Amino acid sequence: MPKNYGYTSSGYGNCCVSKMEFQLSNCFRLLWEQHIYWTRMVILAIAFGSPDLEATTNRLLRNAPDFAKVFSRFYDDEIADEFGRLITDHLKIAAELVTAAKAGNSKTAENAERRWYKNADEIACFLAQINDCWSYEDMRDMWFKHLALTKDEAVAILNKKFNKSISIFDQIEILALKMADSFTCGIVCQFGH
């Protein structure tokens, strides 16, 4: 991450930031918080056959165009739409994986998990191509860790190990905020104040 913006693992540290940087940071942090919270709610709905599964899934899927809308402020519509598509795929594959795991269909779950990691690699590649401030390796590491933690969370929920799932979710939240900050720092680095 660019050191000149005062980035630390917990955010911007003690430096002054512009109004645009502050708003962008808040926006990405909100989107990532929504991403992980609605994902958790969909996992719970799948695991326990909640009647709100469809509504919860629809709300989760709204996260993708919301991300695309922010990207469209800095990139052209084609780039924003592609990022939205990649995030939509990420979310849909995750739901497939949890549904297959709940049903005990290991072959379908393994296939979904392979596609999920391939999608994460595509996201990392895409981000690195549109912004030199986002390294492929850093993005890939973050996305792969996000997937691993989300899978662990889902497994804990499916096995009714709720305290463990909450502990994992705490890690997911810290990582999500780091991912949000990396998005902000990359855009600030690329486009300036």
Protein backbone atom coordinates (compact mmCIF):
# COMPACT_ATOMS: atom_id res chain seq x y z
CA MET A 1 0.00 0.00 0.00
CA PRO A 2 1.23 3.54 -0.65
CA LYS A 3 3.01 4.77 2.46
CA ASN A 4 2.47 8.44 1.63
CA TYR A 5 -1.23 8.09 2.51
CA GLY A 6 -0.54 6.97 6.06
CA TYR A 7 -2.12 3.56 5.51
CA THR A 8 -1.79 1.05 8.33
CA SER A 9 -3.41 -2.34 8.76
CA SER A 10 -6.17 -0.60 10.71
CA GLY A 11 -6.74 2.26 8.29
CA TYR A 12 -5.17 5.63 7.69
CA GLY A 13 -3.44 6.07 11.06
CA ASN A 14 -2.95 9.61 12.32
CA CYS A 15 -2.65 11.48 9.03
CA CYS A 16 -5.08 13.98 7.60
CA VAL A 17 -7.21 12.80 4.73
CA SER A 18 -9.27 14.71 2.24
CA LYS A 19 -13.05 14.74 2.36
CA MET A 20 -13.13 12.56 -0.79
CA GLU A 21 -10.79 9.99 0.79
CA PHE A 22 -12.87 9.92 3.96
CA GLN A 23 -16.12 9.43 2.04
CA LEU A 24 -14.59 6.80 -0.22
CA SER A 25 -13.19 4.94 2.78
CA ASN A 26 -16.57 5.00 4.52
CA CYS A 27 -18.28 3.83 1.35
CA PHE A 28 -15.97 0.84 0.82
CA ARG A 29 -16.08 -0.07 4.51
CA LEU A 30 -19.90 -0.03 4.43
CA LEU A 31 -19.99 -2.16 1.26
CA TRP A 32 -17.59 -4.72 2.72
CA GLU A 33 -19.51 -4.81 6.02
CA GLN A 34 -22.73 -5.39 4.06
CA HIS A 35 -20.96 -8.05 1.98
CA ILE A 36 -19.95 -10.12 4.98
CA TYR A 37 -23.07 -9.57 7.10
CA TRP A 38 -25.52 -10.47 4.34
CA THR A 39 -23.31 -13.43 3.40
CA ARG A 40 -23.54 -14.67 6.98
CA MET A 41 -27.31 -14.22 6.96
CA VAL A 42 -27.60 -16.22 3.71
CA ILE A 43 -25.43 -18.99 5.17
CA LEU A 44 -27.68 -19.11 8.24
CA ALA A 45 -30.82 -19.08 6.08
CA ILE A 46 -29.51 -21.97 3.95
CA ALA A 47 -28.34 -23.93 6.98
CA PHE A 48 -31.63 -23.69 8.83
CA GLY A 49 -34.15 -23.42 6.00
CA SER A 50 -35.18 -19.91 6.94
CA PRO A 51 -38.27 -18.60 5.12
CA ASP A 52 -36.41 -15.35 4.36
CA LEU A 53 -33.74 -17.11 2.23
CA GLU A 54 -34.94 -15.60 -1.07
CA ALA A 55 -35.25 -12.06 0.32
CA THR A 56 -31.90 -12.34 2.12
CA THR A 57 -30.19 -13.68 -1.01
CA ASN A 58 -31.66 -10.87 -3.11
CA ARG A 59 -30.34 -8.31 -0.64
CA LEU A 60 -26.90 -9.92 -0.68
CA LEU A 61 -26.81 -9.86 -4.47
CA ARG A 62 -27.51 -6.11 -4.40
CA ASN A 63 -23.97 -5.76 -2.99
CA ALA A 64 -22.46 -6.40 -6.44
CA PRO A 65 -24.14 -3.51 -8.30
CA ASP A 66 -23.49 -1.30 -5.27
CA PHE A 67 -19.76 -2.02 -5.63
CA ALA A 68 -20.02 -1.44 -9.39
CA LYS A 69 -21.68 1.94 -8.79
CA VAL A 70 -18.71 3.10 -6.70
CA PHE A 71 -16.26 1.79 -9.31
CA SER A 72 -18.15 3.71 -12.01
CA ARG A 73 -17.15 6.97 -10.30
CA PHE A 74 -13.52 6.22 -11.23
CA TYR A 75 -13.61 3.76 -14.12
CA ASP A 76 -15.72 3.44 -17.26
CA ASP A 77 -19.01 1.54 -17.24
CA GLU A 78 -17.46 -1.54 -18.86
CA ILE A 79 -14.95 -1.92 -16.01
CA ALA A 80 -17.57 -1.20 -13.35
CA ASP A 81 -20.00 -3.70 -14.89
CA GLU A 82 -17.31 -6.39 -15.12
CA PHE A 83 -16.42 -5.94 -11.47
CA GLY A 84 -20.11 -6.19 -10.59
CA ARG A 85 -20.39 -9.40 -12.60
CA LEU A 86 -17.35 -10.92 -10.88
CA ILE A 87 -18.75 -10.08 -7.43
CA THR A 88 -22.17 -11.47 -8.39
CA ASP A 89 -20.51 -14.73 -9.44
CA HIS A 90 -18.53 -14.77 -6.18
CA LEU A 91 -21.74 -14.50 -4.15
CA LYS A 92 -23.76 -17.01 -6.20
CA ILE A 93 -21.01 -19.63 -6.11
CA ALA A 94 -20.72 -19.22 -2.33
CA ALA A 95 -24.43 -19.96 -1.96
CA GLU A 96 -24.07 -23.01 -4.23
CA LEU A 97 -21.21 -24.27 -2.07
CA VAL A 98 -23.13 -23.92 1.20
CA THR A 99 -26.26 -25.48 -0.31
CA ALA A 100 -24.27 -28.48 -1.59
CA ALA A 101 -22.45 -28.88 1.72
CA LYS A 102 -25.73 -28.83 3.63
CA ALA A 103 -27.13 -31.51 1.29
CA GLY A 104 -24.00 -33.63 1.80
CA ASN A 105 -23.21 -33.48 -1.92
CA SER A 106 -19.42 -33.41 -1.70
CA LYS A 107 -18.83 -33.62 -5.48
CA THR A 108 -20.99 -30.55 -6.15
CA ALA A 109 -19.43 -28.73 -3.18
CA GLU A 110 -15.90 -29.46 -4.44
CA ASN A 111 -16.82 -28.24 -7.91
CA ALA A 112 -18.31 -25.03 -6.48
CA GLU A 113 -15.24 -24.48 -4.31
CA ARG A 114 -12.92 -24.83 -7.34
CA ARG A 115 -15.01 -22.32 -9.30
CA TRP A 116 -15.09 -20.00 -6.26
CA TYR A 117 -11.30 -19.89 -6.04
CA LYS A 118 -11.01 -19.48 -9.82
CA ASN A 119 -13.41 -16.53 -9.56
CA ALA A 120 -11.34 -15.01 -6.72
CA ASP A 121 -8.22 -15.34 -8.87
CA GLU A 122 -10.07 -13.63 -11.75
CA ILE A 123 -11.08 -10.80 -9.40
CA ALA A 124 -7.48 -10.33 -8.22
CA CYS A 125 -6.23 -10.36 -11.82
CA PHE A 126 -8.90 -7.91 -12.92
CA LEU A 127 -8.16 -5.47 -10.09
CA ALA A 128 -4.41 -5.60 -10.76
CA GLN A 129 -5.04 -4.90 -14.45
CA ILE A 130 -7.16 -1.80 -13.86
CA ASN A 131 -5.01 -0.30 -11.10
CA ASP A 132 -1.22 -0.54 -10.77
CA CYS A 133 -1.55 0.24 -7.05
CA TRP A 134 -3.30 -3.10 -6.48
CA SER A 135 -0.82 -5.92 -6.75
CA TYR A 136 -2.15 -9.23 -8.02
CA GLU A 137 -0.40 -11.12 -5.22
CA ASP A 138 -1.82 -8.94 -2.42
CA MET A 139 -5.32 -9.02 -3.88
CA ARG A 140 -5.18 -12.79 -4.44
CA ASP A 141 -3.97 -13.38 -0.88
CA MET A 142 -6.78 -11.27 0.58
CA TRP A 143 -9.49 -12.85 -1.58
CA PHE A 144 -8.25 -16.39 -0.89
CA LYS A 145 -8.15 -15.69 2.85
CA HIS A 146 -11.69 -14.25 2.60
CA LEU A 147 -12.88 -17.47 0.94
CA ALA A 148 -11.12 -19.74 3.42
CA LEU A 149 -12.57 -17.90 6.40
CA THR A 150 -16.07 -17.79 4.89
CA LYS A 151 -15.93 -21.53 4.21
CA ASP A 152 -14.77 -22.16 7.80
CA GLU A 153 -17.63 -19.99 9.05
CA ALA A 154 -20.16 -21.93 6.96
CA VAL A 155 -18.80 -25.29 8.14
CA ALA A 156 -19.03 -24.17 11.76
CA ILE A 157 -22.63 -23.00 11.23
CA LEU A 158 -23.62 -26.23 9.46
CA ASN A 159 -22.11 -28.18 12.37
CA LYS A 160 -23.95 -25.94 14.87
CA LYS A 161 -20.69 -24.70 16.38
CA PHE A 162 -22.02 -21.19 16.79
CA ASN A 163 -19.36 -19.79 19.14
CA LYS A 164 -16.71 -20.95 16.69
CA SER A 165 -18.59 -19.40 13.77
CA ILE A 166 -18.75 -16.07 15.62
CA SER A 167 -15.04 -16.22 16.37
CA ILE A 168 -14.34 -16.85 12.67
CA PHE A 169 -16.70 -14.04 11.71
CA ASP A 170 -14.65 -11.65 13.89
CA GLN A 171 -11.65 -12.53 11.69
CA ILE A 172 -13.74 -12.10 8.54
CA GLU A 173 -14.75 -8.62 9.66
CA ILE A 174 -11.15 -7.52 10.33
CA LEU A 175 -10.11 -8.82 6.91
CA ALA A 176 -13.10 -7.14 5.21
CA LEU A 177 -12.08 -3.77 6.64
CA LYS A 178 -8.52 -4.37 5.45
CA MET A 179 -9.88 -5.17 1.98
CA ALA A 180 -12.02 -2.02 2.05
CA ASP A 181 -8.99 0.07 3.00
CA SER A 182 -6.92 -1.51 0.24
CA PHE A 183 -9.61 -0.54 -2.28
CA THR A 184 -9.59 3.04 -0.97
CA CYS A 185 -5.81 3.30 -0.94
CA GLY A 186 -5.54 1.92 -4.47
CA ILE A 187 -8.01 4.43 -5.88
CA VAL A 188 -6.44 7.31 -3.97
CA CYS A 189 -3.01 6.23 -5.21
CA GLN A 190 -4.22 5.98 -8.81
CA PHE A 191 -6.38 9.08 -8.99
CA GLY A 192 -4.89 11.33 -6.30
CA HIS A 193 -6.75 13.53 -3.85
